[in-house]
């Protein structure tokens, strides 16, 4: 199924310059798109590819309108990347196959689980006692939703996700581990997306909470009683220890390590691979990778590293006196 450019602009807005009757058969990268395909350019770094692109139409910003027109039809948008994101949604909605199955027959659903009539439950999913799934939410294949856990509206949960497994809680009795039963649940807000094979543990007493609009990549571990604020995005392989409190509108890079019982304030950016071992109480961009060592040596070296800038400034001041 193809979409005419006129249909796209009617649905999404933007300024269409050129052939409104052009039929788009596919969305494609700028460098490989052909005459019946649509692409976008948002990063000025790829500007040289614009002139040589064979794309039937390119989505561009106002600043690149003249260049885009010189090569052919274009759509001018305030934010080409955001426009492209909306376009992918439109494209998928128009091309989605409807098999009519809201709940796959292979899913295992406890009689007390509540599923909104507009939700979709994929193959081999498991919904345990008292689980609740909100309107428009989609569970892909092999998703497990544990006892008493709640997923809000319009969420997407990808294959292999486990929501509501026991948190890692044990006490010691003369060298033997004694299990602490995890009595809380997991509460997930609206418009949350959770990547494949991510695990979100239930709380020990209170609930683990994922607020509205959070986006989680694949293979993330979220321990018991963590709270993640609204519209925070976390990349793959990040591990978050128990009772960490992460604010809203944060971005956490892949393979970051977040210590337990700490606070990260709203609008904090954590670089990939960073170990966050203490609370971050001022928003900003934080990066920290330090080699492993025997703990006492590591702490001394870390303390010394934190003084390097101050020492450098003192040395520069001394050199000026000479």
C-alpha atoms as a PDB file:
ATOM      1  CA  UNK A   1       0.000   0.000   0.000  1.00  0.00           C
ATOM      2  CA  UNK A   2       1.313   3.431  -0.928  1.00  0.00           C
ATOM      3  CA  UNK A   3       0.492   6.877   0.468  1.00  0.00           C
ATOM      4  CA  UNK A   4       0.286  10.045  -1.597  1.00  0.00           C
ATOM      5  CA  UNK A   5       2.236  13.038  -0.316  1.00  0.00           C
ATOM      6  CA  UNK A   6      -1.021  14.994  -0.147  1.00  0.00           C
ATOM      7  CA  UNK A   7      -2.390  12.387   2.303  1.00  0.00           C
ATOM      8  CA  UNK A   8       0.705  12.598   4.459  1.00  0.00           C
ATOM      9  CA  UNK A   9       0.625  16.385   4.704  1.00  0.00           C
ATOM     10  CA  UNK A  10      -3.121  16.375   5.328  1.00  0.00           C
ATOM     11  CA  UNK A  11      -2.547  14.069   8.301  1.00  0.00           C
ATOM     12  CA  UNK A  12       0.680  15.527   9.704  1.00  0.00           C
ATOM     13  CA  UNK A  13       0.910  19.121   8.460  1.00  0.00           C
ATOM     14  CA  UNK A  14       4.073  20.690   7.128  1.00  0.00           C
ATOM     15  CA  UNK A  15       4.646  22.639   3.914  1.00  0.00           C
ATOM     16  CA  UNK A  16       4.573  20.494   0.790  1.00  0.00           C
ATOM     17  CA  UNK A  17       6.725  21.879  -2.037  1.00  0.00           C
ATOM     18  CA  UNK A  18       6.424  19.962  -5.286  1.00  0.00           C
ATOM     19  CA  UNK A  19       4.332  17.056  -6.541  1.00  0.00           C
ATOM     20  CA  UNK A  20       1.438  16.459  -4.133  1.00  0.00           C
ATOM     21  CA  UNK A  21       0.305  13.456  -6.159  1.00  0.00           C
ATOM     22  CA  UNK A  22       3.565  11.564  -5.748  1.00  0.00           C
ATOM     23  CA  UNK A  23       2.892   8.092  -4.363  1.00  0.00           C
ATOM     24  CA  UNK A  24       5.244   6.954  -1.602  1.00  0.00           C
ATOM     25  CA  UNK A  25       5.803   3.206  -1.458  1.00  0.00           C
ATOM     26  CA  UNK A  26       8.374   3.092   1.328  1.00  0.00           C
ATOM     27  CA  UNK A  27      10.245   5.151   3.929  1.00  0.00           C
ATOM     28  CA  UNK A  28      13.993   4.858   3.410  1.00  0.00           C
ATOM     29  CA  UNK A  29      17.400   6.283   4.453  1.00  0.00           C
ATOM     30  CA  UNK A  30      18.527   9.387   2.587  1.00  0.00           C
ATOM     31  CA  UNK A  31      21.516   7.707   0.917  1.00  0.00           C
ATOM     32  CA  UNK A  32      19.573   4.718  -0.444  1.00  0.00           C
ATOM     33  CA  UNK A  33      16.060   6.104  -1.054  1.00  0.00           C
ATOM     34  CA  UNK A  34      14.664   5.858  -4.576  1.00  0.00           C
ATOM     35  CA  UNK A  35      12.151   7.920  -6.599  1.00  0.00           C
ATOM     36  CA  UNK A  36       9.082   6.356  -4.931  1.00  0.00           C
ATOM     37  CA  UNK A  37      10.501   6.592  -1.411  1.00  0.00           C
ATOM     38  CA  UNK A  38      10.491   9.281   1.276  1.00  0.00           C
ATOM     39  CA  UNK A  39      13.364  10.202   3.585  1.00  0.00           C
ATOM     40  CA  UNK A  40      14.346  12.996   5.976  1.00  0.00           C
ATOM     41  CA  UNK A  41      17.313  15.192   6.841  1.00  0.00           C
ATOM     42  CA  UNK A  42      17.598  16.595  10.347  1.00  0.00           C
ATOM     43  CA  UNK A  43      21.329  16.528  11.114  1.00  0.00           C
ATOM     44  CA  UNK A  44      23.350  19.146   9.169  1.00  0.00           C
ATOM     45  CA  UNK A  45      26.249  16.687   9.165  1.00  0.00           C
ATOM     46  CA  UNK A  46      24.483  14.740   6.399  1.00  0.00           C
ATOM     47  CA  UNK A  47      23.725  17.802   4.304  1.00  0.00           C
ATOM     48  CA  UNK A  48      26.099  16.715   1.470  1.00  0.00           C
ATOM     49  CA  UNK A  49      23.916  13.628   0.925  1.00  0.00           C
ATOM     50  CA  UNK A  50      20.898  15.791   0.124  1.00  0.00           C
ATOM     51  CA  UNK A  51      21.973  16.877  -3.356  1.00  0.00           C
ATOM     52  CA  UNK A  52      22.865  13.353  -4.452  1.00  0.00           C
ATOM     53  CA  UNK A  53      19.848  11.612  -2.921  1.00  0.00           C
ATOM     54  CA  UNK A  54      17.407   9.979  -5.351  1.00  0.00           C
ATOM     55  CA  UNK A  55      14.548  10.127  -2.827  1.00  0.00           C
ATOM     56  CA  UNK A  56      11.189  11.105  -4.280  1.00  0.00           C
ATOM     57  CA  UNK A  57      10.675  13.461  -1.346  1.00  0.00           C
ATOM     58  CA  UNK A  58      12.774  14.611   1.610  1.00  0.00           C
ATOM     59  CA  UNK A  59      11.571  16.111   4.901  1.00  0.00           C
ATOM     60  CA  UNK A  60      13.754  19.111   5.780  1.00  0.00           C
ATOM     61  CA  UNK A  61      13.883  22.138   8.038  1.00  0.00           C
ATOM     62  CA  UNK A  62      13.205  25.660   6.769  1.00  0.00           C
ATOM     63  CA  UNK A  63      16.950  26.357   6.658  1.00  0.00           C
ATOM     64  CA  UNK A  64      17.438  23.612   4.050  1.00  0.00           C
ATOM     65  CA  UNK A  65      14.352  24.359   1.956  1.00  0.00           C
ATOM     66  CA  UNK A  66      16.209  25.962  -0.958  1.00  0.00           C
ATOM     67  CA  UNK A  67      18.697  23.088  -1.227  1.00  0.00           C
ATOM     68  CA  UNK A  68      15.913  20.515  -1.034  1.00  0.00           C
ATOM     69  CA  UNK A  69      13.869  22.279  -3.750  1.00  0.00           C
ATOM     70  CA  UNK A  70      16.912  22.337  -6.016  1.00  0.00           C
ATOM     71  CA  UNK A  71      16.827  18.544  -6.127  1.00  0.00           C
ATOM     72  CA  UNK A  72      13.040  17.999  -6.178  1.00  0.00           C
ATOM     73  CA  UNK A  73       9.951  17.627  -3.988  1.00  0.00           C
ATOM     74  CA  UNK A  74      10.212  18.232  -0.253  1.00  0.00           C
ATOM     75  CA  UNK A  75       8.175  18.667   2.924  1.00  0.00           C
ATOM     76  CA  UNK A  76       9.307  21.530   5.159  1.00  0.00           C
ATOM     77  CA  UNK A  77       8.750  20.948   8.890  1.00  0.00           C
ATOM     78  CA  UNK A  78       9.816  22.765  12.043  1.00  0.00           C
ATOM     79  CA  UNK A  79      11.442  19.565  13.368  1.00  0.00           C
ATOM     80  CA  UNK A  80      12.137  17.025  10.585  1.00  0.00           C
ATOM     81  CA  UNK A  81      13.086  14.244  12.991  1.00  0.00           C
ATOM     82  CA  UNK A  82       9.876  14.640  14.990  1.00  0.00           C
ATOM     83  CA  UNK A  83       7.889  14.819  11.734  1.00  0.00           C
ATOM     84  CA  UNK A  84       9.541  11.591  10.595  1.00  0.00           C
ATOM     85  CA  UNK A  85       8.639   9.939  13.913  1.00  0.00           C
ATOM     86  CA  UNK A  86       4.982  10.916  13.420  1.00  0.00           C
ATOM     87  CA  UNK A  87       5.192   9.654   9.852  1.00  0.00           C
ATOM     88  CA  UNK A  88       6.417   6.216  10.954  1.00  0.00           C
ATOM     89  CA  UNK A  89       3.388   5.983  13.227  1.00  0.00           C
ATOM     90  CA  UNK A  90       1.056   6.964  10.402  1.00  0.00           C
ATOM     91  CA  UNK A  91       2.728   4.497   8.064  1.00  0.00           C
ATOM     92  CA  UNK A  92       2.460   1.613  10.513  1.00  0.00           C
ATOM     93  CA  UNK A  93      -1.187   2.368  11.277  1.00  0.00           C
ATOM     94  CA  UNK A  94      -2.032   2.311   7.556  1.00  0.00           C
ATOM     95  CA  UNK A  95      -0.053  -0.868   6.879  1.00  0.00           C
ATOM     96  CA  UNK A  96      -0.808  -2.876  10.006  1.00  0.00           C
ATOM     97  CA  UNK A  97      -2.216  -6.337   9.434  1.00  0.00           C
ATOM     98  CA  UNK A  98      -5.359  -7.035  11.448  1.00  0.00           C
ATOM     99  CA  UNK A  99      -5.728 -10.674  12.501  1.00  0.00           C
ATOM    100  CA  UNK A 100      -8.636  -9.858  14.808  1.00  0.00           C
ATOM    101  CA  UNK A 101      -7.011 -11.468  17.863  1.00  0.00           C
ATOM    102  CA  UNK A 102      -6.938  -9.255  20.947  1.00  0.00           C
ATOM    103  CA  UNK A 103      -5.825 -12.067  23.240  1.00  0.00           C
ATOM    104  CA  UNK A 104      -3.741 -14.839  21.683  1.00  0.00           C
ATOM    105  CA  UNK A 105      -5.057 -18.309  22.528  1.00  0.00           C
ATOM    106  CA  UNK A 106      -1.649 -19.409  23.807  1.00  0.00           C
ATOM    107  CA  UNK A 107      -1.593 -16.704  26.528  1.00  0.00           C
ATOM    108  CA  UNK A 108      -1.987 -17.880  30.130  1.00  0.00           C
ATOM    109  CA  UNK A 109      -4.262 -15.484  32.003  1.00  0.00           C
ATOM    110  CA  UNK A 110      -5.374 -15.868  35.629  1.00  0.00           C
ATOM    111  CA  UNK A 111      -9.148 -15.538  36.052  1.00  0.00           C
ATOM    112  CA  UNK A 112      -8.682 -12.492  38.311  1.00  0.00           C
ATOM    113  CA  UNK A 113      -6.460 -10.606  35.854  1.00  0.00           C
ATOM    114  CA  UNK A 114      -8.128  -7.545  34.303  1.00  0.00           C
ATOM    115  CA  UNK A 115      -7.557  -6.725  30.631  1.00  0.00           C
ATOM    116  CA  UNK A 116      -9.094  -3.692  28.976  1.00  0.00           C
ATOM    117  CA  UNK A 117     -11.101  -4.728  25.883  1.00  0.00           C
ATOM    118  CA  UNK A 118      -8.843  -2.584  23.683  1.00  0.00           C
ATOM    119  CA  UNK A 119      -5.578  -4.112  24.930  1.00  0.00           C
ATOM    120  CA  UNK A 120      -3.661  -6.721  22.922  1.00  0.00           C
ATOM    121  CA  UNK A 121      -2.043  -9.777  24.539  1.00  0.00           C
ATOM    122  CA  UNK A 122       0.475 -11.649  22.382  1.00  0.00           C
ATOM    123  CA  UNK A 123       1.488 -15.294  22.143  1.00  0.00           C
ATOM    124  CA  UNK A 124       2.690 -17.115  25.282  1.00  0.00           C
ATOM    125  CA  UNK A 125       2.171 -14.130  27.585  1.00  0.00           C
ATOM    126  CA  UNK A 126       1.502 -14.841  31.268  1.00  0.00           C
ATOM    127  CA  UNK A 127      -0.733 -12.625  33.415  1.00  0.00           C
ATOM    128  CA  UNK A 128      -0.760 -13.676  37.051  1.00  0.00           C
ATOM    129  CA  UNK A 129      -3.388 -13.150  39.712  1.00  0.00           C
ATOM    130  CA  UNK A 130      -4.686  -9.595  39.988  1.00  0.00           C
ATOM    131  CA  UNK A 131      -2.609  -8.194  37.107  1.00  0.00           C
ATOM    132  CA  UNK A 132      -4.242  -5.246  35.314  1.00  0.00           C
ATOM    133  CA  UNK A 133      -3.669  -4.108  31.721  1.00  0.00           C
ATOM    134  CA  UNK A 134      -4.934  -0.689  30.578  1.00  0.00           C
ATOM    135  CA  UNK A 135      -6.630   0.543  27.428  1.00  0.00           C
ATOM    136  CA  UNK A 136      -4.706   0.335  24.166  1.00  0.00           C
ATOM    137  CA  UNK A 137      -1.723  -1.414  25.723  1.00  0.00           C
ATOM    138  CA  UNK A 138       0.108  -4.034  23.666  1.00  0.00           C
ATOM    139  CA  UNK A 139       2.001  -6.954  25.164  1.00  0.00           C
ATOM    140  CA  UNK A 140       4.192  -8.662  22.579  1.00  0.00           C
ATOM    141  CA  UNK A 141       5.083 -12.362  22.846  1.00  0.00           C
ATOM    142  CA  UNK A 142       6.272 -14.043  26.068  1.00  0.00           C
ATOM    143  CA  UNK A 143       5.662 -11.086  28.366  1.00  0.00           C
ATOM    144  CA  UNK A 144       5.134 -11.977  32.037  1.00  0.00           C
ATOM    145  CA  UNK A 145       3.117  -9.674  34.290  1.00  0.00           C
ATOM    146  CA  UNK A 146       3.344 -10.785  37.900  1.00  0.00           C
ATOM    147  CA  UNK A 147       0.771 -10.888  40.630  1.00  0.00           C
ATOM    148  CA  UNK A 148      -0.922  -7.566  41.361  1.00  0.00           C
ATOM    149  CA  UNK A 149       1.155  -5.598  38.855  1.00  0.00           C
ATOM    150  CA  UNK A 150      -0.504  -2.770  36.908  1.00  0.00           C
ATOM    151  CA  UNK A 151       0.261  -1.502  33.399  1.00  0.00           C
ATOM    152  CA  UNK A 152      -1.437   1.725  32.302  1.00  0.00           C
ATOM    153  CA  UNK A 153      -2.850   2.833  28.984  1.00  0.00           C
ATOM    154  CA  UNK A 154      -1.207   2.831  25.520  1.00  0.00           C
ATOM    155  CA  UNK A 155       1.925   1.053  26.700  1.00  0.00           C
ATOM    156  CA  UNK A 156       4.059  -1.194  24.486  1.00  0.00           C
ATOM    157  CA  UNK A 157       5.832  -4.101  26.181  1.00  0.00           C
ATOM    158  CA  UNK A 158       8.204  -6.041  23.936  1.00  0.00           C
ATOM    159  CA  UNK A 159       9.053  -9.722  23.836  1.00  0.00           C
ATOM    160  CA  UNK A 160      10.472 -11.422  26.907  1.00  0.00           C
ATOM    161  CA  UNK A 161       9.832  -8.625  29.399  1.00  0.00           C
ATOM    162  CA  UNK A 162       9.283  -9.714  33.003  1.00  0.00           C
ATOM    163  CA  UNK A 163       7.307  -7.342  35.207  1.00  0.00           C
ATOM    164  CA  UNK A 164       6.970  -8.223  38.855  1.00  0.00           C
ATOM    165  CA  UNK A 165       9.604 -10.886  39.507  1.00  0.00           C
ATOM    166  CA  UNK A 166      10.849 -10.965  43.095  1.00  0.00           C
ATOM    167  CA  UNK A 167      13.366  -8.322  44.055  1.00  0.00           C
ATOM    168  CA  UNK A 168      16.799  -9.429  45.225  1.00  0.00           C
ATOM    169  CA  UNK A 169      16.211  -9.320  48.982  1.00  0.00           C
ATOM    170  CA  UNK A 170      17.950 -11.546  51.546  1.00  0.00           C
ATOM    171  CA  UNK A 171      19.071 -11.332  55.158  1.00  0.00           C
ATOM    172  CA  UNK A 172      21.960 -13.294  56.660  1.00  0.00           C
ATOM    173  CA  UNK A 173      21.656 -15.808  59.470  1.00  0.00           C
ATOM    174  CA  UNK A 174      25.122 -17.070  60.480  1.00  0.00           C
ATOM    175  CA  UNK A 175      26.364 -17.163  56.897  1.00  0.00           C
ATOM    176  CA  UNK A 176      23.140 -18.477  55.387  1.00  0.00           C
ATOM    177  CA  UNK A 177      20.887 -16.334  53.210  1.00  0.00           C
ATOM    178  CA  UNK A 178      17.260 -15.985  54.327  1.00  0.00           C
ATOM    179  CA  UNK A 179      14.770 -14.816  51.713  1.00  0.00           C
ATOM    180  CA  UNK A 180      12.832 -11.586  52.283  1.00  0.00           C
ATOM    181  CA  UNK A 181       9.455 -12.080  50.652  1.00  0.00           C
ATOM    182  CA  UNK A 182       8.708  -9.308  48.172  1.00  0.00           C
ATOM    183  CA  UNK A 183       5.231  -8.074  49.091  1.00  0.00           C
ATOM    184  CA  UNK A 184       4.895  -5.025  46.848  1.00  0.00           C
ATOM    185  CA  UNK A 185       4.068  -4.872  43.145  1.00  0.00           C
ATOM    186  CA  UNK A 186       4.990  -2.863  40.033  1.00  0.00           C
ATOM    187  CA  UNK A 187       2.955   0.139  38.873  1.00  0.00           C
ATOM    188  CA  UNK A 188       3.532   1.348  35.324  1.00  0.00           C
ATOM    189  CA  UNK A 189       1.937   4.561  34.057  1.00  0.00           C
ATOM    190  CA  UNK A 190       0.560   5.494  30.642  1.00  0.00           C
ATOM    191  CA  UNK A 191       2.460   5.676  27.321  1.00  0.00           C
ATOM    192  CA  UNK A 192       5.418   3.654  28.600  1.00  0.00           C
ATOM    193  CA  UNK A 193       7.504   1.514  26.223  1.00  0.00           C
ATOM    194  CA  UNK A 194       9.619  -1.349  27.571  1.00  0.00           C
ATOM    195  CA  UNK A 195      12.253  -3.057  25.405  1.00  0.00           C
ATOM    196  CA  UNK A 196      12.801  -6.772  24.951  1.00  0.00           C
ATOM    197  CA  UNK A 197      14.028  -8.854  27.906  1.00  0.00           C
ATOM    198  CA  UNK A 198      13.970  -5.963  30.358  1.00  0.00           C
ATOM    199  CA  UNK A 199      13.145  -6.944  33.948  1.00  0.00           C
ATOM    200  CA  UNK A 200      11.312  -4.781  36.490  1.00  0.00           C
ATOM    201  CA  UNK A 201      11.247  -6.276  39.981  1.00  0.00           C
ATOM    202  CA  UNK A 202       8.338  -5.938  42.380  1.00  0.00           C
ATOM    203  CA  UNK A 203       8.823  -3.890  45.531  1.00  0.00           C
ATOM    204  CA  UNK A 204       9.726  -5.408  48.870  1.00  0.00           C
ATOM    205  CA  UNK A 205       6.940  -3.555  50.719  1.00  0.00           C
ATOM    206  CA  UNK A 206       5.891  -0.563  48.610  1.00  0.00           C
ATOM    207  CA  UNK A 207       5.694  -0.728  44.812  1.00  0.00           C
ATOM    208  CA  UNK A 208       8.293  -0.237  42.113  1.00  0.00           C
ATOM    209  CA  UNK A 209       6.993   2.719  40.080  1.00  0.00           C
ATOM    210  CA  UNK A 210       7.513   3.618  36.403  1.00  0.00           C
ATOM    211  CA  UNK A 211       5.775   6.912  35.668  1.00  0.00           C
ATOM    212  CA  UNK A 212       4.031   8.141  32.487  1.00  0.00           C
ATOM    213  CA  UNK A 213       5.943   8.334  29.220  1.00  0.00           C
ATOM    214  CA  UNK A 214       9.076   6.473  30.358  1.00  0.00           C
ATOM    215  CA  UNK A 215      11.000   4.747  27.549  1.00  0.00           C
ATOM    216  CA  UNK A 216      13.136   1.707  28.429  1.00  0.00           C
ATOM    217  CA  UNK A 217      15.460  -0.034  25.990  1.00  0.00           C
ATOM    218  CA  UNK A 218      16.264  -3.767  25.842  1.00  0.00           C
ATOM    219  CA  UNK A 219      18.017  -5.716  28.605  1.00  0.00           C
ATOM    220  CA  UNK A 220      17.590  -3.255  31.468  1.00  0.00           C
ATOM    221  CA  UNK A 221      17.440  -4.408  35.090  1.00  0.00           C
ATOM    222  CA  UNK A 222      15.286  -2.340  37.443  1.00  0.00           C
ATOM    223  CA  UNK A 223      15.447  -3.553  41.023  1.00  0.00           C
ATOM    224  CA  UNK A 224      12.824  -3.444  43.763  1.00  0.00           C
ATOM    225  CA  UNK A 225      11.343  -0.140  44.920  1.00  0.00           C
ATOM    226  CA  UNK A 226      12.974   1.934  42.193  1.00  0.00           C
ATOM    227  CA  UNK A 227      11.048   4.978  41.007  1.00  0.00           C
ATOM    228  CA  UNK A 228      11.574   6.352  37.496  1.00  0.00           C
ATOM    229  CA  UNK A 229      10.059   9.770  36.815  1.00  0.00           C
ATOM    230  CA  UNK A 230       7.890  10.732  33.870  1.00  0.00           C
ATOM    231  CA  UNK A 231       9.380  10.855  30.345  1.00  0.00           C
ATOM    232  CA  UNK A 232      12.794   9.567  31.353  1.00  0.00           C
ATOM    233  CA  UNK A 233      14.591   7.466  28.693  1.00  0.00           C
ATOM    234  CA  UNK A 234      17.087   4.715  29.562  1.00  0.00           C
ATOM    235  CA  UNK A 235      19.281   2.889  27.042  1.00  0.00           C
ATOM    236  CA  UNK A 236      20.129  -0.810  26.912  1.00  0.00           C
ATOM    237  CA  UNK A 237      22.033  -2.835  29.518  1.00  0.00           C
ATOM    238  CA  UNK A 238      21.614  -0.278  32.299  1.00  0.00           C
ATOM    239  CA  UNK A 239      21.357  -1.691  35.819  1.00  0.00           C
ATOM    240  CA  UNK A 240      19.467   0.193  38.534  1.00  0.00           C
ATOM    241  CA  UNK A 241      19.826  -1.013  42.118  1.00  0.00           C
ATOM    242  CA  UNK A 242      17.074  -1.093  44.698  1.00  0.00           C
ATOM    243  CA  UNK A 243      15.301   2.054  45.936  1.00  0.00           C
ATOM    244  CA  UNK A 244      17.043   4.396  43.489  1.00  0.00           C
ATOM    245  CA  UNK A 245      14.863   7.436  42.792  1.00  0.00           C
ATOM    246  CA  UNK A 246      15.344   8.763  39.254  1.00  0.00           C
ATOM    247  CA  UNK A 247      13.684  12.030  38.293  1.00  0.00           C
ATOM    248  CA  UNK A 248      11.603  13.080  35.298  1.00  0.00           C
ATOM    249  CA  UNK A 249      12.951  13.958  31.818  1.00  0.00           C
ATOM    250  CA  UNK A 250      16.297  12.270  32.490  1.00  0.00           C
ATOM    251  CA  UNK A 251      18.370  10.471  29.850  1.00  0.00           C
ATOM    252  CA  UNK A 252      20.592   7.565  30.884  1.00  0.00           C
ATOM    253  CA  UNK A 253      23.078   6.109  28.411  1.00  0.00           C
ATOM    254  CA  UNK A 254      23.634   2.415  27.758  1.00  0.00           C
ATOM    255  CA  UNK A 255      25.330   0.202  30.337  1.00  0.00           C
ATOM    256  CA  UNK A 256      25.119   2.858  33.047  1.00  0.00           C
ATOM    257  CA  UNK A 257      25.232   1.569  36.630  1.00  0.00           C
ATOM    258  CA  UNK A 258      22.964   3.267  39.163  1.00  0.00           C
ATOM    259  CA  UNK A 259      23.624   2.616  42.850  1.00  0.00           C
ATOM    260  CA  UNK A 260      20.763   1.859  45.192  1.00  0.00           C
ATOM    261  CA  UNK A 261      19.128   4.286  47.648  1.00  0.00           C
ATOM    262  CA  UNK A 262      20.270   7.393  45.757  1.00  0.00           C
ATOM    263  CA  UNK A 263      18.416  10.274  44.123  1.00  0.00           C
ATOM    264  CA  UNK A 264      18.904  11.622  40.597  1.00  0.00           C
ATOM    265  CA  UNK A 265      17.115  14.922  40.042  1.00  0.00           C
ATOM    266  CA  UNK A 266      14.945  15.846  37.074  1.00  0.00           C
ATOM    267  CA  UNK A 267      16.578  16.640  33.708  1.00  0.00           C
ATOM    268  CA  UNK A 268      19.847  14.856  34.383  1.00  0.00           C
ATOM    269  CA  UNK A 269      21.859  13.305  31.542  1.00  0.00           C
ATOM    270  CA  UNK A 270      24.079  10.329  32.425  1.00  0.00           C
ATOM    271  CA  UNK A 271      26.604   9.206  29.787  1.00  0.00           C
ATOM    272  CA  UNK A 272      26.925   5.604  28.635  1.00  0.00           C
ATOM    273  CA  UNK A 273      28.917   3.346  30.943  1.00  0.00           C
ATOM    274  CA  UNK A 274      28.831   5.787  33.839  1.00  0.00           C
ATOM    275  CA  UNK A 275      28.737   4.530  37.421  1.00  0.00           C
ATOM    276  CA  UNK A 276      26.484   6.723  39.549  1.00  0.00           C
ATOM    277  CA  UNK A 277      27.525   5.912  43.104  1.00  0.00           C
ATOM    278  CA  UNK A 278      26.038   8.899  44.898  1.00  0.00           C
ATOM    279  CA  UNK A 279      23.041  11.171  44.541  1.00  0.00           C
ATOM    280  CA  UNK A 280      22.940  13.762  41.775  1.00  0.00           C
ATOM    281  CA  UNK A 281      21.188  16.807  43.197  1.00  0.00           C
ATOM    282  CA  UNK A 282      21.876  19.324  40.421  1.00  0.00           C
ATOM    283  CA  UNK A 283      20.657  18.741  36.853  1.00  0.00           C
ATOM    284  CA  UNK A 284      23.384  18.498  34.229  1.00  0.00           C
ATOM    285  CA  UNK A 285      25.484  16.089  32.180  1.00  0.00           C
ATOM    286  CA  UNK A 286      27.440  13.522  34.210  1.00  0.00           C
ATOM    287  CA  UNK A 287      30.175  11.134  33.047  1.00  0.00           C
ATOM    288  CA  UNK A 288      32.416   8.850  35.082  1.00  0.00           C
ATOM    289  CA  UNK A 289      34.360   5.706  34.237  1.00  0.00           C
ATOM    290  CA  UNK A 290      37.105   4.619  36.613  1.00  0.00           C
ATOM    291  CA  UNK A 291      39.195   1.410  36.571  1.00  0.00           C
ATOM    292  CA  UNK A 292      38.500  -1.302  39.131  1.00  0.00           C
ATOM    293  CA  UNK A 293      40.978  -1.660  42.020  1.00  0.00           C
ATOM    294  CA  UNK A 294      41.147  -2.981  45.571  1.00  0.00           C
ATOM    295  CA  UNK A 295      38.489  -0.887  47.279  1.00  0.00           C
ATOM    296  CA  UNK A 296      40.704   1.075  49.688  1.00  0.00           C
ATOM    297  CA  UNK A 297      43.088   2.021  46.868  1.00  0.00           C
ATOM    298  CA  UNK A 298      40.195   2.866  44.565  1.00  0.00           C
ATOM    299  CA  UNK A 299      38.698   5.257  47.110  1.00  0.00           C
ATOM    300  CA  UNK A 300      42.053   7.015  47.633  1.00  0.00           C
ATOM    301  CA  UNK A 301      42.627   7.343  43.896  1.00  0.00           C
ATOM    302  CA  UNK A 302      39.093   8.549  43.295  1.00  0.00           C
ATOM    303  CA  UNK A 303      39.517  11.189  46.002  1.00  0.00           C
ATOM    304  CA  UNK A 304      42.788  12.312  44.392  1.00  0.00           C
ATOM    305  CA  UNK A 305      41.244  12.487  40.912  1.00  0.00           C
ATOM    306  CA  UNK A 306      38.515  14.783  42.216  1.00  0.00           C
ATOM    307  CA  UNK A 307      41.239  17.216  43.308  1.00  0.00           C
ATOM    308  CA  UNK A 308      43.130  17.254  39.985  1.00  0.00           C
ATOM    309  CA  UNK A 309      41.456  20.345  38.566  1.00  0.00           C
ATOM    310  CA  UNK A 310      42.074  22.326  41.764  1.00  0.00           C
ATOM    311  CA  UNK A 311      45.690  21.179  41.830  1.00  0.00           C
ATOM    312  CA  UNK A 312      46.131  22.190  38.194  1.00  0.00           C
ATOM    313  CA  UNK A 313      44.832  25.678  38.933  1.00  0.00           C
ATOM    314  CA  UNK A 314      47.205  26.000  41.892  1.00  0.00           C
ATOM    315  CA  UNK A 315      50.138  24.949  39.727  1.00  0.00           C
ATOM    316  CA  UNK A 316      49.190  27.451  37.027  1.00  0.00           C
ATOM    317  CA  UNK A 317      48.994  30.202  39.664  1.00  0.00           C
ATOM    318  CA  UNK A 318      52.451  29.253  40.987  1.00  0.00           C
ATOM    319  CA  UNK A 319      53.905  29.248  37.469  1.00  0.00           C
ATOM    320  CA  UNK A 320      52.566  32.745  36.855  1.00  0.00           C
ATOM    321  CA  UNK A 321      54.383  33.995  39.995  1.00  0.00           C
ATOM    322  CA  UNK A 322      57.647  32.698  38.551  1.00  0.00           C
END
